[in-house]
Amino acid sequence: MTGFILDLIQGWGYFGIFVLMVLENVFPPIPSEVIMGLGGIAVAQGRFDFWTLIAVAVAGTTAGNWVWYAIGRWIGYERLKPFVDRHGRWLTLDWAEVERLHGFFLKYGPAIVFAARFMPVARTMVSLPAGMVRMNQAKFLLWTAAGSTIWISALAGAGHWFGSRFANLDAFVGPVALVAIGSLVLIYLWRVITWRPHRDDDR
């Protein structure tokens, strides 16, 4: 995974960053922490301009999130129920939770989209209910870009800081990336194993 990310950044430059950030939001196991950390290191090495990197990464993130928004808009709210009832364990939620999220989203949609950009996995998955409740598309894109800009700038800034102060930092990127990806997988597996559907008297 790390080799794939490095190859795209080194071979495709800014376009590689854009593609990776699109993929990160369509396939969450590709962590933005690693992508932007490496991007920040590239800035420290003089290969990228910091603000151009941020602009390209935000554009990629916004495009990737729009894919899930469009899917949610196409599926709609009610059509989701049979799928959730059948695959609730793997989604780690049941229809009662979906209904609560739906109501919450109708009331606080833009704030949720903005805040979710700082949360692993949720920053991608939040786009699906945004599309299902038919959140205004311009607002969705605006709040996605706003939250993503802060998060991406922080990650790239950290990568730049470390890259400018420590020699041979690339040697540590692989193990760190594996730990980040492994942690996400373990969190998901823990949620699947411990997940229980809500009983009627819990609702």
N, C-alpha and C. Protein backbone atom coordinates (compact mmCIF):
# COMPACT_ATOMS: atom_id res chain seq x y z
N MET A 1 0.83 -1.21 0.00
CA MET A 1 0.00 0.00 0.00
C MET A 1 0.87 1.26 0.00
N THR A 2 1.89 1.29 0.89
CA THR A 2 2.75 2.46 0.97
C THR A 2 3.53 2.65 -0.32
N GLY A 3 3.99 1.51 -0.91
CA GLY A 3 4.73 1.59 -2.18
C GLY A 3 3.86 2.16 -3.28
N PHE A 4 2.59 1.76 -3.31
CA PHE A 4 1.64 2.28 -4.30
C PHE A 4 1.48 3.80 -4.15
N ILE A 5 1.34 4.26 -2.91
CA ILE A 5 1.19 5.69 -2.64
C ILE A 5 2.44 6.45 -3.06
N LEU A 6 3.60 5.94 -2.68
CA LEU A 6 4.86 6.61 -3.02
C LEU A 6 5.07 6.66 -4.53
N ASP A 7 4.75 5.56 -5.22
CA ASP A 7 4.93 5.52 -6.67
C ASP A 7 4.06 6.58 -7.36
N LEU A 8 2.81 6.73 -6.91
CA LEU A 8 1.93 7.71 -7.53
C LEU A 8 2.42 9.14 -7.26
N ILE A 9 2.86 9.40 -6.04
CA ILE A 9 3.34 10.74 -5.71
C ILE A 9 4.60 11.07 -6.49
N GLN A 10 5.53 10.12 -6.54
CA GLN A 10 6.79 10.37 -7.22
C GLN A 10 6.65 10.40 -8.74
N GLY A 11 5.78 9.55 -9.26
CA GLY A 11 5.64 9.46 -10.71
C GLY A 11 4.66 10.44 -11.31
N TRP A 12 3.59 10.78 -10.57
CA TRP A 12 2.54 11.62 -11.13
C TRP A 12 2.46 13.00 -10.51
N GLY A 13 3.25 13.25 -9.50
CA GLY A 13 3.28 14.59 -8.89
C GLY A 13 1.94 15.00 -8.30
N TYR A 14 1.53 16.23 -8.61
CA TYR A 14 0.27 16.74 -8.06
C TYR A 14 -0.93 15.91 -8.51
N PHE A 15 -0.89 15.43 -9.75
CA PHE A 15 -2.00 14.61 -10.22
C PHE A 15 -2.09 13.31 -9.42
N GLY A 16 -0.94 12.78 -9.02
CA GLY A 16 -0.93 11.60 -8.17
C GLY A 16 -1.59 11.87 -6.83
N ILE A 17 -1.33 13.05 -6.26
CA ILE A 17 -1.99 13.45 -5.01
C ILE A 17 -3.50 13.52 -5.21
N PHE A 18 -3.92 14.12 -6.30
CA PHE A 18 -5.36 14.24 -6.59
C PHE A 18 -6.00 12.85 -6.67
N VAL A 19 -5.39 11.96 -7.44
CA VAL A 19 -5.93 10.60 -7.61
C VAL A 19 -5.99 9.88 -6.27
N LEU A 20 -4.94 9.98 -5.49
CA LEU A 20 -4.90 9.31 -4.19
C LEU A 20 -5.98 9.83 -3.25
N MET A 21 -6.21 11.14 -3.26
CA MET A 21 -7.22 11.70 -2.37
C MET A 21 -8.63 11.34 -2.82
N VAL A 22 -8.82 11.20 -4.13
CA VAL A 22 -10.11 10.69 -4.62
C VAL A 22 -10.31 9.26 -4.13
N LEU A 23 -9.29 8.43 -4.33
CA LEU A 23 -9.37 7.02 -3.93
C LEU A 23 -9.54 6.89 -2.42
N GLU A 24 -8.87 7.74 -1.65
CA GLU A 24 -8.96 7.67 -0.19
C GLU A 24 -10.38 7.85 0.30
N ASN A 25 -11.15 8.62 -0.44
CA ASN A 25 -12.53 8.87 -0.03
C ASN A 25 -13.52 7.90 -0.65
N VAL A 26 -13.11 7.19 -1.69
CA VAL A 26 -13.97 6.17 -2.26
C VAL A 26 -13.68 4.82 -1.60
N PHE A 27 -12.39 4.59 -1.26
CA PHE A 27 -11.96 3.37 -0.57
C PHE A 27 -11.23 3.77 0.71
N PRO A 28 -11.96 3.95 1.82
CA PRO A 28 -11.38 4.48 3.06
C PRO A 28 -10.12 3.81 3.59
N PRO A 29 -9.83 2.50 3.30
CA PRO A 29 -8.59 1.94 3.83
C PRO A 29 -7.32 2.65 3.39
N ILE A 30 -7.39 3.48 2.34
CA ILE A 30 -6.23 4.28 1.95
C ILE A 30 -6.25 5.54 2.81
N PRO A 31 -5.34 5.67 3.79
CA PRO A 31 -5.46 6.76 4.77
C PRO A 31 -4.90 8.09 4.27
N SER A 32 -5.68 9.15 4.44
CA SER A 32 -5.22 10.49 4.07
C SER A 32 -4.04 10.91 4.93
N GLU A 33 -3.96 10.37 6.16
CA GLU A 33 -2.84 10.71 7.04
C GLU A 33 -1.51 10.37 6.38
N VAL A 34 -1.46 9.21 5.72
CA VAL A 34 -0.23 8.78 5.05
C VAL A 34 0.00 9.60 3.78
N ILE A 35 -1.04 9.78 2.99
CA ILE A 35 -0.90 10.51 1.73
C ILE A 35 -0.40 11.93 1.98
N MET A 36 -1.05 12.65 2.88
CA MET A 36 -0.68 14.03 3.11
C MET A 36 0.60 14.15 3.93
N GLY A 37 0.88 13.16 4.76
CA GLY A 37 2.17 13.15 5.45
C GLY A 37 3.31 13.07 4.46
N LEU A 38 3.16 12.17 3.48
CA LEU A 38 4.17 12.05 2.42
C LEU A 38 4.21 13.31 1.56
N GLY A 39 3.04 13.90 1.31
CA GLY A 39 3.01 15.15 0.55
C GLY A 39 3.75 16.26 1.27
N GLY A 40 3.57 16.34 2.59
CA GLY A 40 4.29 17.34 3.38
C GLY A 40 5.79 17.12 3.36
N ILE A 41 6.19 15.85 3.40
CA ILE A 41 7.63 15.55 3.31
C ILE A 41 8.18 16.00 1.95
N ALA A 42 7.37 15.79 0.89
CA ALA A 42 7.79 16.22 -0.44
C ALA A 42 7.94 17.74 -0.51
N VAL A 43 7.09 18.47 0.22
CA VAL A 43 7.23 19.93 0.30
C VAL A 43 8.56 20.28 0.95
N ALA A 44 8.88 19.60 2.05
CA ALA A 44 10.14 19.85 2.76
C ALA A 44 11.35 19.55 1.88
N GLN A 45 11.19 18.61 0.95
CA GLN A 45 12.28 18.25 0.04
C GLN A 45 12.32 19.12 -1.21
N GLY A 46 11.39 20.07 -1.30
CA GLY A 46 11.37 20.99 -2.43
C GLY A 46 10.68 20.47 -3.67
N ARG A 47 9.97 19.36 -3.56
CA ARG A 47 9.32 18.78 -4.74
C ARG A 47 7.92 19.34 -4.97
N PHE A 48 7.27 19.85 -3.93
CA PHE A 48 5.93 20.41 -4.03
C PHE A 48 5.89 21.80 -3.40
N ASP A 49 4.95 22.61 -3.88
CA ASP A 49 4.61 23.86 -3.20
C ASP A 49 3.48 23.55 -2.21
N PHE A 50 3.60 24.07 -0.99
CA PHE A 50 2.67 23.70 0.08
C PHE A 50 1.22 24.01 -0.30
N TRP A 51 0.94 25.24 -0.73
CA TRP A 51 -0.45 25.63 -0.96
C TRP A 51 -1.03 25.02 -2.23
N THR A 52 -0.17 24.75 -3.20
CA THR A 52 -0.65 24.02 -4.38
C THR A 52 -1.02 22.60 -3.99
N LEU A 53 -0.20 22.00 -3.13
CA LEU A 53 -0.49 20.67 -2.62
C LEU A 53 -1.84 20.64 -1.90
N ILE A 54 -2.08 21.63 -1.06
CA ILE A 54 -3.34 21.69 -0.30
C ILE A 54 -4.52 21.82 -1.27
N ALA A 55 -4.41 22.73 -2.25
CA ALA A 55 -5.50 22.96 -3.20
C ALA A 55 -5.84 21.69 -3.97
N VAL A 56 -4.81 20.99 -4.44
CA VAL A 56 -5.01 19.76 -5.22
C VAL A 56 -5.64 18.68 -4.34
N ALA A 57 -5.14 18.55 -3.11
CA ALA A 57 -5.64 17.52 -2.20
C ALA A 57 -7.10 17.79 -1.82
N VAL A 58 -7.44 19.04 -1.56
CA VAL A 58 -8.82 19.38 -1.22
C VAL A 58 -9.74 19.09 -2.42
N ALA A 59 -9.27 19.41 -3.62
CA ALA A 59 -10.07 19.13 -4.81
C ALA A 59 -10.31 17.62 -4.95
N GLY A 60 -9.27 16.81 -4.70
CA GLY A 60 -9.42 15.36 -4.78
C GLY A 60 -10.36 14.82 -3.72
N THR A 61 -10.22 15.33 -2.50
CA THR A 61 -11.09 14.90 -1.40
C THR A 61 -12.55 15.24 -1.69
N THR A 62 -12.78 16.44 -2.15
CA THR A 62 -14.14 16.88 -2.45
C THR A 62 -14.75 16.05 -3.57
N ALA A 63 -13.96 15.75 -4.59
CA ALA A 63 -14.45 14.92 -5.70
C ALA A 63 -14.78 13.51 -5.21
N GLY A 64 -13.91 12.94 -4.37
CA GLY A 64 -14.16 11.60 -3.85
C GLY A 64 -15.40 11.54 -2.99
N ASN A 65 -15.60 12.56 -2.17
CA ASN A 65 -16.79 12.60 -1.34
C ASN A 65 -18.06 12.79 -2.16
N TRP A 66 -17.95 13.51 -3.26
CA TRP A 66 -19.12 13.71 -4.11
C TRP A 66 -19.60 12.40 -4.70
N VAL A 67 -18.68 11.45 -4.94
CA VAL A 67 -19.07 10.14 -5.46
C VAL A 67 -20.06 9.47 -4.50
N TRP A 68 -19.73 9.48 -3.19
CA TRP A 68 -20.63 8.88 -2.20
C TRP A 68 -21.91 9.68 -2.06
N TYR A 69 -21.80 10.99 -2.16
CA TYR A 69 -23.00 11.84 -2.12
C TYR A 69 -23.94 11.47 -3.26
N ALA A 70 -23.38 11.30 -4.46
CA ALA A 70 -24.20 10.97 -5.63
C ALA A 70 -24.84 9.59 -5.48
N ILE A 71 -24.08 8.63 -4.92
CA ILE A 71 -24.64 7.30 -4.69
C ILE A 71 -25.80 7.38 -3.71
N GLY A 72 -25.61 8.13 -2.61
CA GLY A 72 -26.67 8.29 -1.63
C GLY A 72 -27.90 8.95 -2.22
N ARG A 73 -27.69 9.93 -3.06
CA ARG A 73 -28.81 10.62 -3.70
C ARG A 73 -29.56 9.68 -4.63
N TRP A 74 -28.82 8.81 -5.32
CA TRP A 74 -29.43 7.86 -6.24
C TRP A 74 -30.20 6.78 -5.48
N ILE A 75 -29.62 6.27 -4.38
CA ILE A 75 -30.27 5.22 -3.60
C ILE A 75 -31.52 5.75 -2.92
N GLY A 76 -31.39 6.92 -2.30
CA GLY A 76 -32.50 7.46 -1.54
C GLY A 76 -32.59 6.82 -0.16
N TYR A 77 -33.41 7.40 0.66
CA TYR A 77 -33.51 6.98 2.07
C TYR A 77 -34.24 5.65 2.24
N GLU A 78 -35.44 5.54 1.71
CA GLU A 78 -36.25 4.35 1.94
C GLU A 78 -35.70 3.10 1.26
N ARG A 79 -35.04 3.26 0.12
CA ARG A 79 -34.52 2.10 -0.59
C ARG A 79 -33.36 1.44 0.15
N LEU A 80 -32.82 2.13 1.14
CA LEU A 80 -31.68 1.60 1.89
C LEU A 80 -32.09 0.54 2.91
N LYS A 81 -33.34 0.56 3.36
CA LYS A 81 -33.76 -0.28 4.48
C LYS A 81 -33.50 -1.78 4.26
N PRO A 82 -33.89 -2.38 3.13
CA PRO A 82 -33.62 -3.81 2.96
C PRO A 82 -32.13 -4.14 3.04
N PHE A 83 -31.30 -3.25 2.52
CA PHE A 83 -29.86 -3.48 2.55
C PHE A 83 -29.33 -3.44 3.97
N VAL A 84 -29.78 -2.45 4.75
CA VAL A 84 -29.35 -2.32 6.15
C VAL A 84 -29.84 -3.51 6.96
N ASP A 85 -31.09 -3.93 6.75
CA ASP A 85 -31.63 -5.07 7.48
C ASP A 85 -30.83 -6.34 7.21
N ARG A 86 -30.34 -6.47 6.00
CA ARG A 86 -29.63 -7.69 5.62
C ARG A 86 -28.15 -7.64 6.00
N HIS A 87 -27.52 -6.48 5.92
CA HIS A 87 -26.07 -6.38 6.12
C HIS A 87 -25.71 -5.48 7.31
N GLY A 88 -26.62 -5.36 8.26
CA GLY A 88 -26.39 -4.46 9.39
C GLY A 88 -25.10 -4.72 10.15
N ARG A 89 -24.76 -6.01 10.35
CA ARG A 89 -23.55 -6.31 11.09
C ARG A 89 -22.31 -5.75 10.41
N TRP A 90 -22.23 -5.91 9.09
CA TRP A 90 -21.04 -5.44 8.38
C TRP A 90 -21.02 -3.93 8.25
N LEU A 91 -22.19 -3.32 8.31
CA LEU A 91 -22.25 -1.86 8.32
C LEU A 91 -22.12 -1.31 9.73
N THR A 92 -22.26 -2.19 10.73
CA THR A 92 -22.24 -1.87 12.16
C THR A 92 -23.31 -0.84 12.52
N LEU A 93 -24.48 -0.96 11.93
CA LEU A 93 -25.62 -0.14 12.30
C LEU A 93 -26.90 -0.83 11.87
N ASP A 94 -28.02 -0.49 12.52
CA ASP A 94 -29.31 -1.05 12.14
C ASP A 94 -30.23 0.10 11.72
N TRP A 95 -31.48 -0.27 11.33
CA TRP A 95 -32.37 0.74 10.77
C TRP A 95 -32.75 1.80 11.79
N ALA A 96 -32.85 1.43 13.07
CA ALA A 96 -33.17 2.42 14.09
C ALA A 96 -32.10 3.52 14.14
N GLU A 97 -30.84 3.11 14.01
CA GLU A 97 -29.76 4.10 14.00
C GLU A 97 -29.80 4.95 12.74
N VAL A 98 -30.15 4.31 11.62
CA VAL A 98 -30.27 5.05 10.37
C VAL A 98 -31.35 6.12 10.48
N GLU A 99 -32.47 5.77 11.10
CA GLU A 99 -33.56 6.73 11.27
C GLU A 99 -33.14 7.91 12.14
N ARG A 100 -32.40 7.60 13.21
CA ARG A 100 -31.92 8.68 14.08
C ARG A 100 -30.94 9.58 13.33
N LEU A 101 -30.04 8.97 12.57
CA LEU A 101 -29.09 9.74 11.78
C LEU A 101 -29.81 10.60 10.74
N HIS A 102 -30.85 10.03 10.15
CA HIS A 102 -31.62 10.76 9.15
C HIS A 102 -32.22 12.03 9.74
N GLY A 103 -32.86 11.90 10.90
CA GLY A 103 -33.46 13.07 11.55
C GLY A 103 -32.42 14.08 11.97
N PHE A 104 -31.30 13.57 12.49
CA PHE A 104 -30.22 14.45 12.92
C PHE A 104 -29.64 15.21 11.73
N PHE A 105 -29.53 14.50 10.60
CA PHE A 105 -28.96 15.10 9.41
C PHE A 105 -29.86 16.19 8.84
N LEU A 106 -31.16 15.94 8.89
CA LEU A 106 -32.08 16.96 8.39
C LEU A 106 -31.94 18.26 9.17
N LYS A 107 -31.59 18.15 10.44
CA LYS A 107 -31.51 19.32 11.30
C LYS A 107 -30.13 19.97 11.29
N TYR A 108 -29.08 19.16 11.26
CA TYR A 108 -27.73 19.70 11.44
C TYR A 108 -26.78 19.31 10.30
N GLY A 109 -27.32 19.04 9.11
CA GLY A 109 -26.52 18.52 8.01
C GLY A 109 -25.19 19.21 7.74
N PRO A 110 -25.17 20.53 7.47
CA PRO A 110 -23.90 21.19 7.16
C PRO A 110 -22.86 21.08 8.27
N ALA A 111 -23.28 21.21 9.52
CA ALA A 111 -22.35 21.10 10.64
C ALA A 111 -21.77 19.70 10.75
N ILE A 112 -22.62 18.68 10.49
CA ILE A 112 -22.15 17.30 10.55
C ILE A 112 -21.12 17.04 9.46
N VAL A 113 -21.40 17.49 8.25
CA VAL A 113 -20.47 17.30 7.13
C VAL A 113 -19.13 17.96 7.46
N PHE A 114 -19.16 19.16 8.02
CA PHE A 114 -17.93 19.87 8.36
C PHE A 114 -17.15 19.12 9.44
N ALA A 115 -17.82 18.75 10.53
CA ALA A 115 -17.14 18.12 11.67
C ALA A 115 -16.61 16.74 11.32
N ALA A 116 -17.32 16.02 10.45
CA ALA A 116 -16.92 14.65 10.11
C ALA A 116 -15.59 14.60 9.37
N ARG A 117 -15.17 15.71 8.79
CA ARG A 117 -13.90 15.72 8.05
C ARG A 117 -12.70 15.47 8.94
N PHE A 118 -12.88 15.56 10.24
CA PHE A 118 -11.78 15.35 11.18
C PHE A 118 -11.81 13.96 11.80
N MET A 119 -12.72 13.08 11.32
CA MET A 119 -12.89 11.76 11.93
C MET A 119 -12.58 10.67 10.92
N PRO A 120 -11.74 9.69 11.31
CA PRO A 120 -11.46 8.57 10.41
C PRO A 120 -12.75 7.86 10.01
N VAL A 121 -12.79 7.39 8.77
CA VAL A 121 -13.92 6.65 8.20
C VAL A 121 -15.17 7.52 8.07
N ALA A 122 -15.57 8.19 9.16
CA ALA A 122 -16.78 9.02 9.13
C ALA A 122 -16.66 10.12 8.09
N ARG A 123 -15.45 10.63 7.86
CA ARG A 123 -15.31 11.73 6.91
C ARG A 123 -15.68 11.31 5.49
N THR A 124 -15.63 10.01 5.22
CA THR A 124 -16.08 9.51 3.92
C THR A 124 -17.55 9.09 3.97
N MET A 125 -17.89 8.30 4.97
CA MET A 125 -19.23 7.73 5.04
C MET A 125 -20.32 8.77 5.26
N VAL A 126 -19.97 9.93 5.81
CA VAL A 126 -20.97 10.97 6.06
C VAL A 126 -21.58 11.49 4.76
N SER A 127 -20.87 11.31 3.66
CA SER A 127 -21.37 11.79 2.37
C SER A 127 -22.58 11.00 1.89
N LEU A 128 -22.67 9.73 2.29
CA LEU A 128 -23.78 8.89 1.86
C LEU A 128 -25.12 9.40 2.41
N PRO A 129 -25.24 9.59 3.73
CA PRO A 129 -26.52 10.15 4.23
C PRO A 129 -26.78 11.57 3.75
N ALA A 130 -25.73 12.34 3.50
CA ALA A 130 -25.93 13.69 2.96
C ALA A 130 -26.65 13.63 1.63
N GLY A 131 -26.27 12.66 0.79
CA GLY A 131 -26.96 12.49 -0.48
C GLY A 131 -28.36 11.94 -0.31
N MET A 132 -28.53 11.04 0.65
CA MET A 132 -29.85 10.42 0.86
C MET A 132 -30.90 11.43 1.31
N VAL A 133 -30.50 12.38 2.13
CA VAL A 133 -31.47 13.40 2.58
C VAL A 133 -31.54 14.56 1.59
N ARG A 134 -30.82 14.41 0.48
CA ARG A 134 -30.80 15.42 -0.58
C ARG A 134 -30.38 16.79 -0.04
N MET A 135 -29.31 16.77 0.74
CA MET A 135 -28.72 18.01 1.21
C MET A 135 -28.34 18.87 0.00
N ASN A 136 -28.53 20.16 0.10
CA ASN A 136 -28.18 21.06 -1.00
C ASN A 136 -26.76 20.77 -1.47
N GLN A 137 -26.60 20.51 -2.76
CA GLN A 137 -25.31 20.07 -3.29
C GLN A 137 -24.22 21.12 -3.11
N ALA A 138 -24.55 22.39 -3.33
CA ALA A 138 -23.55 23.45 -3.17
C ALA A 138 -23.08 23.53 -1.72
N LYS A 139 -24.02 23.41 -0.77
CA LYS A 139 -23.65 23.44 0.65
C LYS A 139 -22.78 22.24 1.00
N PHE A 140 -23.14 21.09 0.46
CA PHE A 140 -22.36 19.88 0.73
C PHE A 140 -20.92 20.06 0.27
N LEU A 141 -20.74 20.53 -0.95
CA LEU A 141 -19.40 20.71 -1.49
C LEU A 141 -18.62 21.78 -0.72
N LEU A 142 -19.32 22.86 -0.35
CA LEU A 142 -18.67 23.94 0.38
C LEU A 142 -18.17 23.48 1.74
N TRP A 143 -19.04 22.80 2.53
CA TRP A 143 -18.66 22.38 3.87
C TRP A 143 -17.66 21.22 3.83
N THR A 144 -17.74 20.40 2.80
CA THR A 144 -16.74 19.35 2.62
C THR A 144 -15.37 19.96 2.38
N ALA A 145 -15.31 20.92 1.47
CA ALA A 145 -14.04 21.58 1.16
C ALA A 145 -13.50 22.35 2.36
N ALA A 146 -14.38 23.01 3.10
CA ALA A 146 -13.94 23.81 4.25
C ALA A 146 -13.32 22.93 5.33
N GLY A 147 -14.02 21.87 5.72
CA GLY A 147 -13.47 20.98 6.75
C GLY A 147 -12.23 20.27 6.27
N SER A 148 -12.23 19.84 5.01
CA SER A 148 -11.09 19.13 4.45
C SER A 148 -9.85 20.00 4.38
N THR A 149 -10.03 21.28 4.10
CA THR A 149 -8.89 22.20 4.02
C THR A 149 -8.14 22.26 5.35
N ILE A 150 -8.88 22.34 6.45
CA ILE A 150 -8.26 22.40 7.77
C ILE A 150 -7.52 21.10 8.08
N TRP A 151 -8.20 19.98 7.86
CA TRP A 151 -7.61 18.67 8.16
C TRP A 151 -6.39 18.39 7.30
N ILE A 152 -6.50 18.64 6.00
CA ILE A 152 -5.41 18.36 5.07
C ILE A 152 -4.21 19.28 5.35
N SER A 153 -4.48 20.54 5.66
CA SER A 153 -3.39 21.47 5.97
C SER A 153 -2.63 21.02 7.21
N ALA A 154 -3.36 20.53 8.21
CA ALA A 154 -2.70 20.05 9.43
C ALA A 154 -1.82 18.84 9.15
N LEU A 155 -2.33 17.90 8.35
CA LEU A 155 -1.55 16.70 8.02
C LEU A 155 -0.31 17.05 7.19
N ALA A 156 -0.51 17.88 6.18
CA ALA A 156 0.62 18.27 5.34
C ALA A 156 1.64 19.08 6.13
N GLY A 157 1.14 19.95 7.02
CA GLY A 157 2.03 20.74 7.86
C GLY A 157 2.87 19.86 8.77
N ALA A 158 2.26 18.81 9.33
CA ALA A 158 3.01 17.88 10.18
C ALA A 158 4.07 17.15 9.37
N GLY A 159 3.69 16.71 8.16
CA GLY A 159 4.65 16.03 7.30
C GLY A 159 5.82 16.94 6.93
N HIS A 160 5.51 18.19 6.65
CA HIS A 160 6.55 19.16 6.31
C HIS A 160 7.48 19.40 7.50
N TRP A 161 6.88 19.52 8.69
CA TRP A 161 7.68 19.77 9.89
C TRP A 161 8.65 18.63 10.15
N PHE A 162 8.16 17.40 10.10
CA PHE A 162 9.03 16.25 10.33
C PHE A 162 10.05 16.10 9.21
N GLY A 163 9.59 16.32 7.97
CA GLY A 163 10.49 16.16 6.83
C GLY A 163 11.63 17.14 6.81
N SER A 164 11.42 18.33 7.37
CA SER A 164 12.47 19.34 7.37
C SER A 164 13.41 19.21 8.56
N ARG A 165 13.12 18.31 9.51
CA ARG A 165 13.93 18.21 10.72
C ARG A 165 14.61 16.86 10.91
N PHE A 166 14.15 15.85 10.19
CA PHE A 166 14.72 14.52 10.40
C PHE A 166 15.19 13.94 9.06
N ALA A 167 16.43 13.50 9.04
CA ALA A 167 16.98 12.88 7.84
C ALA A 167 16.46 11.44 7.73
N ASN A 168 16.40 10.95 6.49
CA ASN A 168 15.99 9.56 6.22
C ASN A 168 14.61 9.24 6.80
N LEU A 169 13.73 10.22 6.79
CA LEU A 169 12.40 10.00 7.35
C LEU A 169 11.60 8.98 6.54
N ASP A 170 11.92 8.86 5.26
CA ASP A 170 11.18 7.92 4.41
C ASP A 170 11.24 6.48 4.94
N ALA A 171 12.33 6.16 5.65
CA ALA A 171 12.50 4.80 6.16
C ALA A 171 11.44 4.45 7.19
N PHE A 172 10.86 5.47 7.83
CA PHE A 172 9.87 5.23 8.87
C PHE A 172 8.43 5.27 8.34
N VAL A 173 8.27 5.75 7.12
CA VAL A 173 6.92 5.94 6.59
C VAL A 173 6.18 4.63 6.43
N GLY A 174 6.87 3.61 5.90
CA GLY A 174 6.24 2.32 5.70
C GLY A 174 5.64 1.74 6.98
N PRO A 175 6.45 1.59 8.04
CA PRO A 175 5.90 1.06 9.29
C PRO A 175 4.76 1.90 9.86
N VAL A 176 4.88 3.22 9.79
CA VAL A 176 3.83 4.10 10.31
C VAL A 176 2.54 3.90 9.51
N ALA A 177 2.68 3.78 8.19
CA ALA A 177 1.50 3.57 7.34
C ALA A 177 0.83 2.25 7.68
N LEU A 178 1.62 1.20 7.89
CA LEU A 178 1.06 -0.09 8.23
C LEU A 178 0.31 -0.04 9.56
N VAL A 179 0.87 0.69 10.52
CA VAL A 179 0.21 0.84 11.82
C VAL A 179 -1.12 1.58 11.65
N ALA A 180 -1.12 2.65 10.83
CA ALA A 180 -2.35 3.44 10.62
C ALA A 180 -3.43 2.59 9.96
N ILE A 181 -3.06 1.86 8.90
CA ILE A 181 -4.03 1.02 8.20
C ILE A 181 -4.49 -0.12 9.09
N GLY A 182 -3.54 -0.75 9.79
CA GLY A 182 -3.89 -1.85 10.69
C GLY A 182 -4.84 -1.42 11.80
N SER A 183 -4.63 -0.21 12.31
CA SER A 183 -5.50 0.31 13.38
C SER A 183 -6.92 0.49 12.89
N LEU A 184 -7.07 1.02 11.66
CA LEU A 184 -8.41 1.20 11.09
C LEU A 184 -9.11 -0.14 10.90
N VAL A 185 -8.35 -1.13 10.43
CA VAL A 185 -8.94 -2.46 10.21
C VAL A 185 -9.36 -3.08 11.53
N LEU A 186 -8.52 -2.96 12.56
CA LEU A 186 -8.84 -3.52 13.87
C LEU A 186 -10.07 -2.85 14.50
N ILE A 187 -10.16 -1.53 14.35
CA ILE A 187 -11.32 -0.81 14.87
C ILE A 187 -12.60 -1.31 14.20
N TYR A 188 -12.52 -1.48 12.89
CA TYR A 188 -13.69 -1.96 12.16
C TYR A 188 -14.06 -3.38 12.59
N LEU A 189 -13.07 -4.27 12.71
CA LEU A 189 -13.34 -5.64 13.11
C LEU A 189 -13.93 -5.69 14.52
N TRP A 190 -13.43 -4.84 15.40
CA TRP A 190 -13.97 -4.79 16.76
C TRP A 190 -15.43 -4.37 16.74
N ARG A 191 -15.76 -3.40 15.90
CA ARG A 191 -17.15 -2.95 15.79
C ARG A 191 -18.05 -4.05 15.23
N VAL A 192 -17.55 -4.81 14.26
CA VAL A 192 -18.33 -5.90 13.68
C VAL A 192 -18.58 -6.98 14.73
N ILE A 193 -17.54 -7.35 15.47
CA ILE A 193 -17.65 -8.43 16.45
C ILE A 193 -18.57 -8.05 17.61
N THR A 194 -18.48 -6.81 18.06
CA THR A 194 -19.24 -6.40 19.25
C THR A 194 -20.61 -5.81 18.90
N TRP A 195 -20.89 -5.64 17.61
CA TRP A 195 -22.15 -5.00 17.21
C TRP A 195 -23.35 -5.87 17.55
N ARG A 196 -24.38 -5.24 18.08
CA ARG A 196 -25.65 -5.91 18.35
C ARG A 196 -26.77 -5.01 17.86
N PRO A 197 -27.78 -5.56 17.19
CA PRO A 197 -28.91 -4.73 16.76
C PRO A 197 -29.70 -4.23 17.96
N HIS A 198 -30.29 -3.05 17.84
CA HIS A 198 -31.12 -2.51 18.91
C HIS A 198 -32.41 -3.33 19.04
N ARG A 199 -32.77 -3.62 20.26
CA ARG A 199 -34.05 -4.27 20.50
C ARG A 199 -35.15 -3.22 20.50
N ASP A 200 -36.37 -3.68 20.34
CA ASP A 200 -37.51 -2.75 20.29
C ASP A 200 -37.60 -1.88 21.53
N ASP A 201 -37.26 -2.47 22.72
CA ASP A 201 -37.38 -1.68 23.95
C ASP A 201 -36.22 -0.72 24.16
N ASP A 202 -35.22 -0.77 23.26
CA ASP A 202 -34.12 0.19 23.32
C ASP A 202 -34.43 1.44 22.52
N ARG A 203 -35.48 1.40 21.72
CA ARG A 203 -35.74 2.48 20.76
C ARG A 203 -36.61 3.57 21.39
